[in-house]
N, C-alpha and C. Protein backbone atom coordinates (compact mmCIF):
# COMPACT_ATOMS: atom_id res chain seq x y z
N UNK A 1 1.12 -1.08 -0.13
CA UNK A 1 -0.03 0.06 -0.15
C UNK A 1 1.08 1.29 0.13
N UNK A 2 0.57 2.02 -0.86
CA UNK A 2 1.55 3.32 -1.04
C UNK A 2 0.68 4.42 -0.54
N UNK A 3 1.52 5.04 0.42
CA UNK A 3 0.84 6.41 1.59
C UNK A 3 1.22 7.74 0.27
N UNK A 4 0.05 8.65 0.65
CA UNK A 4 0.36 9.73 -0.45
C UNK A 4 0.34 10.95 0.56
N UNK A 5 1.49 11.83 0.61
CA UNK A 5 1.47 13.03 1.49
C UNK A 5 1.71 14.27 0.27
N UNK A 6 1.11 14.77 0.39
CA UNK A 6 1.16 16.13 -0.39
C UNK A 6 1.26 17.56 0.72
N UNK A 7 2.42 18.44 -0.33
CA UNK A 7 2.65 19.58 0.44
C UNK A 7 1.90 20.54 -0.32
N UNK A 8 0.96 21.44 0.30
CA UNK A 8 0.39 22.77 -0.27
C UNK A 8 0.70 24.18 0.26
N UNK A 9 0.75 25.17 -0.98
CA UNK A 9 1.41 26.16 -0.68
C UNK A 9 0.18 27.04 -1.48
N UNK A 10 0.28 28.40 -1.44
CA UNK A 10 -0.20 29.11 -2.45
C UNK A 10 -0.38 29.07 -3.64
N UNK A 11 0.95 29.06 -4.35
CA UNK A 11 1.18 29.20 -5.48
C UNK A 11 1.65 28.05 -6.18
N UNK A 12 2.66 27.23 -5.51
CA UNK A 12 3.09 26.07 -5.81
C UNK A 12 3.96 26.11 -6.75
N UNK A 13 4.91 27.24 -6.51
CA UNK A 13 5.87 27.59 -7.11
C UNK A 13 7.41 27.83 -6.44
N UNK A 14 7.20 27.65 -4.85
CA UNK A 14 8.50 27.70 -4.06
C UNK A 14 8.67 26.86 -2.94
N UNK A 15 7.66 27.16 -1.76
CA UNK A 15 7.33 26.44 -1.01
C UNK A 15 7.09 25.09 -0.80
N UNK A 16 5.98 24.76 -1.24
CA UNK A 16 5.51 23.04 -1.72
C UNK A 16 6.63 22.51 -2.42
N UNK A 17 6.73 23.01 -3.41
CA UNK A 17 7.72 22.09 -4.39
C UNK A 17 9.16 22.03 -4.03
N UNK A 18 9.97 22.90 -2.90
CA UNK A 18 10.99 22.70 -2.13
C UNK A 18 10.73 21.65 -1.21
N UNK A 19 9.90 21.71 -0.67
CA UNK A 19 9.52 20.59 0.33
C UNK A 19 9.44 19.21 -0.07
N UNK A 20 8.67 19.28 -1.51
CA UNK A 20 8.56 18.07 -1.74
C UNK A 20 9.70 17.44 -2.27
N UNK A 21 10.66 18.16 -2.80
CA UNK A 21 12.07 17.73 -3.37
C UNK A 21 12.38 17.43 -2.12
N UNK A 22 12.96 17.69 -1.42
CA UNK A 22 13.58 17.52 -0.11
C UNK A 22 13.09 16.16 0.58
N UNK A 23 11.80 16.17 0.90
CA UNK A 23 11.34 15.12 1.09
C UNK A 23 11.33 13.71 0.71
N UNK A 24 11.39 14.12 -0.90
CA UNK A 24 11.75 13.01 -1.78
C UNK A 24 13.42 12.25 -2.12
N UNK A 25 14.32 13.49 -2.01
CA UNK A 25 15.47 13.17 -1.37
C UNK A 25 15.59 12.40 -0.37
N UNK A 26 15.09 12.68 0.68
CA UNK A 26 14.95 11.63 1.87
C UNK A 26 14.60 10.08 2.04
N UNK A 27 13.59 9.98 1.07
CA UNK A 27 13.02 9.03 0.75
C UNK A 27 14.06 8.31 0.01
N UNK A 28 14.47 8.75 -0.93
CA UNK A 28 15.44 8.28 -1.95
C UNK A 28 16.64 7.56 -0.99
N UNK A 29 17.29 8.58 -0.18
CA UNK A 29 18.18 7.67 0.65
C UNK A 29 17.65 6.41 1.52
N UNK A 30 16.58 6.37 1.83
CA UNK A 30 15.99 5.16 2.34
C UNK A 30 15.41 4.46 1.59
N UNK A 31 15.49 4.52 0.36
CA UNK A 31 15.10 3.38 -0.85
C UNK A 31 13.79 3.23 -0.16
N UNK A 32 13.14 4.22 0.34
CA UNK A 32 11.69 3.81 0.46
C UNK A 32 10.66 4.27 -1.07
N UNK A 33 9.60 3.37 -1.24
CA UNK A 33 8.73 3.30 -2.17
C UNK A 33 7.50 3.21 -1.97
N UNK A 34 7.35 3.63 -0.66
CA UNK A 34 5.93 3.06 -0.32
C UNK A 34 5.21 4.35 -0.15
N UNK A 35 6.05 5.51 -0.11
CA UNK A 35 5.41 7.00 0.09
C UNK A 35 5.67 7.65 -1.42
N UNK A 36 4.35 8.17 -1.75
CA UNK A 36 4.60 8.98 -3.02
C UNK A 36 4.50 10.69 -2.56
N UNK A 37 5.16 11.29 -2.92
CA UNK A 37 4.88 12.69 -2.27
C UNK A 37 4.81 13.97 -3.54
N UNK A 38 3.94 14.65 -3.33
CA UNK A 38 3.86 15.68 -4.55
C UNK A 38 3.11 17.03 -3.90
N UNK A 39 3.39 18.25 -4.78
CA UNK A 39 3.44 19.33 -4.25
C UNK A 39 1.89 20.05 -5.23
N UNK A 40 1.33 21.02 -4.44
CA UNK A 40 0.38 21.73 -5.06
C UNK A 40 -0.09 23.27 -4.64
N UNK A 41 -0.69 24.08 -5.28
CA UNK A 41 -0.91 25.24 -4.96
C UNK A 41 -2.56 25.68 -4.95
N UNK A 42 -2.88 26.59 -4.01
CA UNK A 42 -4.09 27.02 -3.78
C UNK A 42 -4.79 27.99 -5.16
N UNK A 43 -3.75 28.62 -5.88
CA UNK A 43 -4.22 29.29 -7.02
C UNK A 43 -4.69 28.34 -7.69
N UNK A 44 -5.48 28.93 -8.59
CA UNK A 44 -6.25 28.24 -9.54
C UNK A 44 -7.05 27.00 -9.02
N UNK A 45 -7.22 26.70 -7.72
CA UNK A 45 -8.31 25.94 -7.23
C UNK A 45 -9.39 26.85 -5.98
N UNK A 46 -8.88 27.27 -5.05
CA UNK A 46 -9.51 27.90 -4.18
C UNK A 46 -9.40 29.88 -4.56
N UNK A 47 -8.02 29.65 -5.07
CA UNK A 47 -7.58 31.17 -5.24
C UNK A 47 -7.54 31.45 -7.07
N UNK A 48 -7.75 33.01 -7.24
CA UNK A 48 -7.34 33.09 -8.66
C UNK A 48 -6.11 32.30 -9.09
N UNK A 49 -5.67 31.99 -10.75
CA UNK A 49 -4.64 31.42 -11.17
C UNK A 49 -3.64 32.73 -10.85
N UNK A 50 -2.48 31.62 -10.82
CA UNK A 50 -1.08 32.85 -10.54
C UNK A 50 -1.00 33.12 -11.89
N UNK A 51 0.02 34.43 -12.00
CA UNK A 51 0.41 35.13 -12.91
C UNK A 51 1.54 34.26 -13.75
N UNK A 52 2.49 33.79 -12.65
CA UNK A 52 3.73 32.82 -13.63
C UNK A 52 3.24 31.59 -13.11
N UNK A 53 3.92 30.27 -14.09
CA UNK A 53 3.70 29.17 -13.93
C UNK A 53 5.08 28.32 -13.11
N UNK A 54 6.07 29.03 -12.87
CA UNK A 54 7.14 28.61 -12.25
C UNK A 54 7.91 29.39 -11.30
N UNK A 55 8.86 29.39 -10.52
CA UNK A 55 9.46 30.41 -9.92
C UNK A 55 10.17 31.02 -10.73
N UNK A 56 11.24 30.83 -11.60
CA UNK A 56 11.79 31.82 -12.63
C UNK A 56 10.96 33.03 -13.36
N UNK A 57 9.47 32.47 -13.05
CA UNK A 57 8.89 33.90 -13.30
C UNK A 57 8.82 35.19 -12.78
N UNK A 58 9.25 34.35 -11.45
CA UNK A 58 9.30 35.83 -10.78
C UNK A 58 11.06 35.85 -10.35
N UNK A 59 12.09 36.60 -10.67
CA UNK A 59 13.03 36.69 -10.61
C UNK A 59 13.66 37.18 -9.15
N UNK A 60 12.94 38.04 -8.52
CA UNK A 60 13.41 38.46 -7.23
C UNK A 60 13.55 37.47 -6.41
N UNK A 61 12.21 36.47 -6.24
CA UNK A 61 12.12 35.10 -5.75
C UNK A 61 13.69 34.08 -5.94
N UNK A 62 13.39 33.76 -7.37
CA UNK A 62 14.32 33.19 -7.94
C UNK A 62 15.47 33.26 -7.66
N UNK A 63 16.18 34.63 -7.76
CA UNK A 63 17.46 35.16 -7.28
C UNK A 63 17.65 34.66 -5.96
N UNK A 64 17.00 34.88 -5.01
CA UNK A 64 17.27 34.61 -3.63
C UNK A 64 17.04 33.16 -3.56
N UNK A 65 16.51 32.60 -3.53
CA UNK A 65 16.44 31.30 -3.74
C UNK A 65 17.35 30.27 -4.03
N UNK A 66 17.78 30.64 -5.42
CA UNK A 66 18.85 29.74 -6.28
C UNK A 66 19.91 29.23 -5.42
N UNK A 67 20.53 29.96 -4.49
CA UNK A 67 21.67 29.62 -3.89
C UNK A 67 21.41 28.51 -2.96
N UNK A 68 20.62 28.70 -1.99
CA UNK A 68 20.17 27.94 -1.16
C UNK A 68 19.26 26.48 -1.75
N UNK A 69 18.78 26.39 -3.37
CA UNK A 69 18.20 25.50 -3.68
C UNK A 69 19.87 24.68 -4.13
N UNK A 70 20.79 25.48 -4.73
CA UNK A 70 22.01 24.81 -5.42
C UNK A 70 22.80 24.22 -3.94
N UNK A 71 22.77 24.40 -2.92
CA UNK A 71 23.47 24.40 -1.73
C UNK A 71 22.50 22.94 -1.52
N UNK A 72 21.58 22.81 -1.59
CA UNK A 72 20.70 21.40 -1.22
C UNK A 72 20.68 20.45 -2.63
N UNK A 73 21.12 20.78 -3.33
CA UNK A 73 20.88 19.95 -4.86
C UNK A 73 19.56 19.78 -5.11
N UNK A 74 18.84 20.78 -4.75
CA UNK A 74 17.23 20.75 -5.86
C UNK A 74 17.34 21.85 -6.65
N UNK A 75 16.88 21.20 -7.99
CA UNK A 75 16.51 21.87 -9.19
C UNK A 75 14.68 21.85 -9.24
N UNK A 76 14.31 23.12 -9.19
CA UNK A 76 13.28 22.98 -9.77
C UNK A 76 12.78 23.93 -10.61
N UNK A 77 13.87 23.82 -11.22
CA UNK A 77 13.69 24.70 -12.58
C UNK A 77 12.27 24.29 -13.63
N UNK A 78 12.10 23.02 -13.83
CA UNK A 78 11.45 22.69 -14.32
C UNK A 78 9.87 22.31 -14.15
N UNK A 79 9.61 22.36 -12.56
CA UNK A 79 8.75 22.61 -12.12
C UNK A 79 7.45 23.49 -12.31
N UNK A 80 6.13 23.19 -12.57
CA UNK A 80 5.19 23.94 -13.11
C UNK A 80 4.14 23.57 -11.86
N UNK A 81 3.76 24.86 -11.52
CA UNK A 81 2.73 25.32 -10.49
C UNK A 81 1.61 24.36 -11.25
N UNK A 82 1.10 23.56 -9.97
CA UNK A 82 -0.08 22.94 -10.19
C UNK A 82 -0.88 22.99 -9.36
N UNK A 83 -2.63 23.61 -9.49
CA UNK A 83 -3.51 23.49 -8.83
C UNK A 83 -4.21 22.28 -8.10
N UNK A 84 -4.37 22.65 -6.94
CA UNK A 84 -4.76 21.70 -6.20
C UNK A 84 -6.23 20.93 -6.68
N UNK A 85 -6.92 19.73 -6.18
CA UNK A 85 -8.33 19.72 -6.65
C UNK A 85 -8.98 18.65 -5.42
N UNK A 86 -9.99 18.54 -5.68
CA UNK A 86 -10.75 18.12 -4.35
C UNK A 86 -10.23 16.52 -4.69
N UNK A 87 -10.18 15.96 -5.50
CA UNK A 87 -9.73 14.57 -5.65
C UNK A 87 -8.30 14.00 -5.38
N UNK A 88 -7.44 15.25 -5.39
CA UNK A 88 -5.83 15.09 -4.75
C UNK A 88 -6.13 14.83 -3.40
N UNK A 89 -7.00 15.88 -2.67
CA UNK A 89 -7.29 15.96 -1.04
C UNK A 89 -7.99 14.61 -0.87
N UNK A 90 -8.98 14.03 -1.67
CA UNK A 90 -9.12 13.03 -1.20
C UNK A 90 -8.62 12.01 -1.13
N UNK A 91 -7.51 11.83 -2.21
CA UNK A 91 -6.41 11.00 -2.26
C UNK A 91 -5.63 10.66 -1.25
N UNK A 92 -5.13 11.99 -0.71
CA UNK A 92 -4.28 12.07 0.07
C UNK A 92 -4.17 11.36 1.58
N UNK A 93 -3.40 10.54 1.87
CA UNK A 93 -3.14 10.24 3.34
C UNK A 93 -2.78 11.55 4.23
N UNK A 94 -1.68 12.58 3.88
CA UNK A 94 -1.43 13.34 4.80
C UNK A 94 -1.51 14.80 3.91
N UNK A 95 -2.07 16.11 4.42
CA UNK A 95 -2.00 17.07 3.55
C UNK A 95 -0.92 18.24 4.48
N UNK A 96 0.07 18.60 4.28
CA UNK A 96 0.98 19.45 5.25
C UNK A 96 0.75 20.95 4.05
N UNK A 97 0.49 21.85 4.93
CA UNK A 97 0.32 23.17 4.25
C UNK A 97 1.71 23.99 4.76
N UNK A 98 2.26 24.98 4.23
CA UNK A 98 2.79 25.69 4.13
C UNK A 98 3.14 27.01 4.67
N UNK A 99 1.66 27.29 5.16
CA UNK A 99 1.42 28.60 5.75
C UNK A 99 0.35 28.66 6.64
N UNK A 100 0.09 29.51 7.47
CA UNK A 100 -1.28 29.24 8.33
C UNK A 100 -2.41 29.85 7.59
N UNK A 101 -2.06 30.87 6.36
CA UNK A 101 -3.44 31.37 5.64
C UNK A 101 -3.83 30.43 4.59
N UNK A 102 -2.90 29.15 4.02
CA UNK A 102 -3.22 28.27 3.55
C UNK A 102 -3.95 27.42 3.92
N UNK A 103 -3.71 27.01 5.50
CA UNK A 103 -4.42 26.13 6.05
C UNK A 103 -5.66 26.77 6.72
N UNK A 104 -5.84 28.21 6.71
CA UNK A 104 -7.44 28.59 7.09
C UNK A 104 -7.94 28.44 5.70
N UNK A 105 -7.86 28.65 4.70
CA UNK A 105 -8.16 28.75 3.37
C UNK A 105 -8.61 27.68 3.04
N UNK A 106 -7.70 26.63 3.40
CA UNK A 106 -8.03 25.10 2.83
C UNK A 106 -9.37 24.66 3.57
N UNK A 107 -8.99 24.20 5.20
CA UNK A 107 -9.99 24.37 5.70
C UNK A 107 -11.48 24.64 5.73
N UNK A 108 -11.05 26.20 5.34
CA UNK A 108 -12.51 26.78 5.45
C UNK A 108 -13.57 26.42 4.16
N UNK A 109 -12.72 26.02 3.07
CA UNK A 109 -13.26 25.48 2.05
C UNK A 109 -13.71 24.13 2.14
N UNK A 110 -12.92 23.29 2.73
CA UNK A 110 -12.80 21.73 2.60
C UNK A 110 -12.73 21.07 4.28
N UNK A 111 -13.55 21.40 5.06
CA UNK A 111 -13.49 21.06 6.21
C UNK A 111 -13.25 19.58 6.82
N UNK A 112 -13.92 18.97 5.96
CA UNK A 112 -13.83 17.26 5.77
C UNK A 112 -12.55 16.80 6.02
N UNK A 113 -11.40 17.48 5.69
CA UNK A 113 -9.91 17.04 5.36
C UNK A 113 -9.10 17.58 6.61
N UNK A 114 -10.16 17.99 7.86
CA UNK A 114 -8.99 18.45 8.76
C UNK A 114 -8.26 17.50 9.71
N UNK A 115 -8.87 16.29 9.51
CA UNK A 115 -8.19 15.07 10.55
C UNK A 115 -7.13 14.81 9.75
N UNK A 116 -6.57 14.98 8.50
CA UNK A 116 -5.69 15.07 7.70
C UNK A 116 -4.48 15.67 7.26
N UNK A 117 -4.89 17.17 7.63
CA UNK A 117 -4.11 18.30 7.47
C UNK A 117 -3.50 18.81 8.52
N UNK A 118 -2.12 18.93 8.36
CA UNK A 118 -1.25 19.67 9.53
C UNK A 118 -0.65 20.58 8.88
N UNK A 119 -0.05 21.27 9.71
CA UNK A 119 0.51 22.78 9.03
C UNK A 119 2.14 22.83 9.14
N UNK A 120 3.11 23.15 8.66
CA UNK A 120 4.42 23.38 8.75
C UNK A 120 4.67 24.66 8.16
N UNK A 121 4.95 25.62 9.03
CA UNK A 121 5.08 26.95 8.41
C UNK A 121 6.60 27.17 8.63
N UNK A 122 7.25 27.96 7.12
CA UNK A 122 8.46 28.40 6.76
C UNK A 122 8.37 29.45 6.87
């Protein structure tokens, strides 16, 4: 049986894809294939769509993040923002939000997922 963990932030271009990749790196070290990890954003689902589709579309944030990502050997240059869906929420065993506002918005709209939603604030 596979466990599905999702990381959720507002746009799915920065925090949640980084968390997804860090978690995947750790799983790879442990040779674990029983956990599936993905990341999503509220934009395009609960919030209006984002203006950009990836972190590179936001030069200031990209410039500030790039040295840290390089140090962690994380490359999210090919990552494209993915909006969350109700189906993804239903399929997830664990939902980890990346900001208090994300938790609030998510549970305000989908309170039935409260028991599997936890916050991790960066």
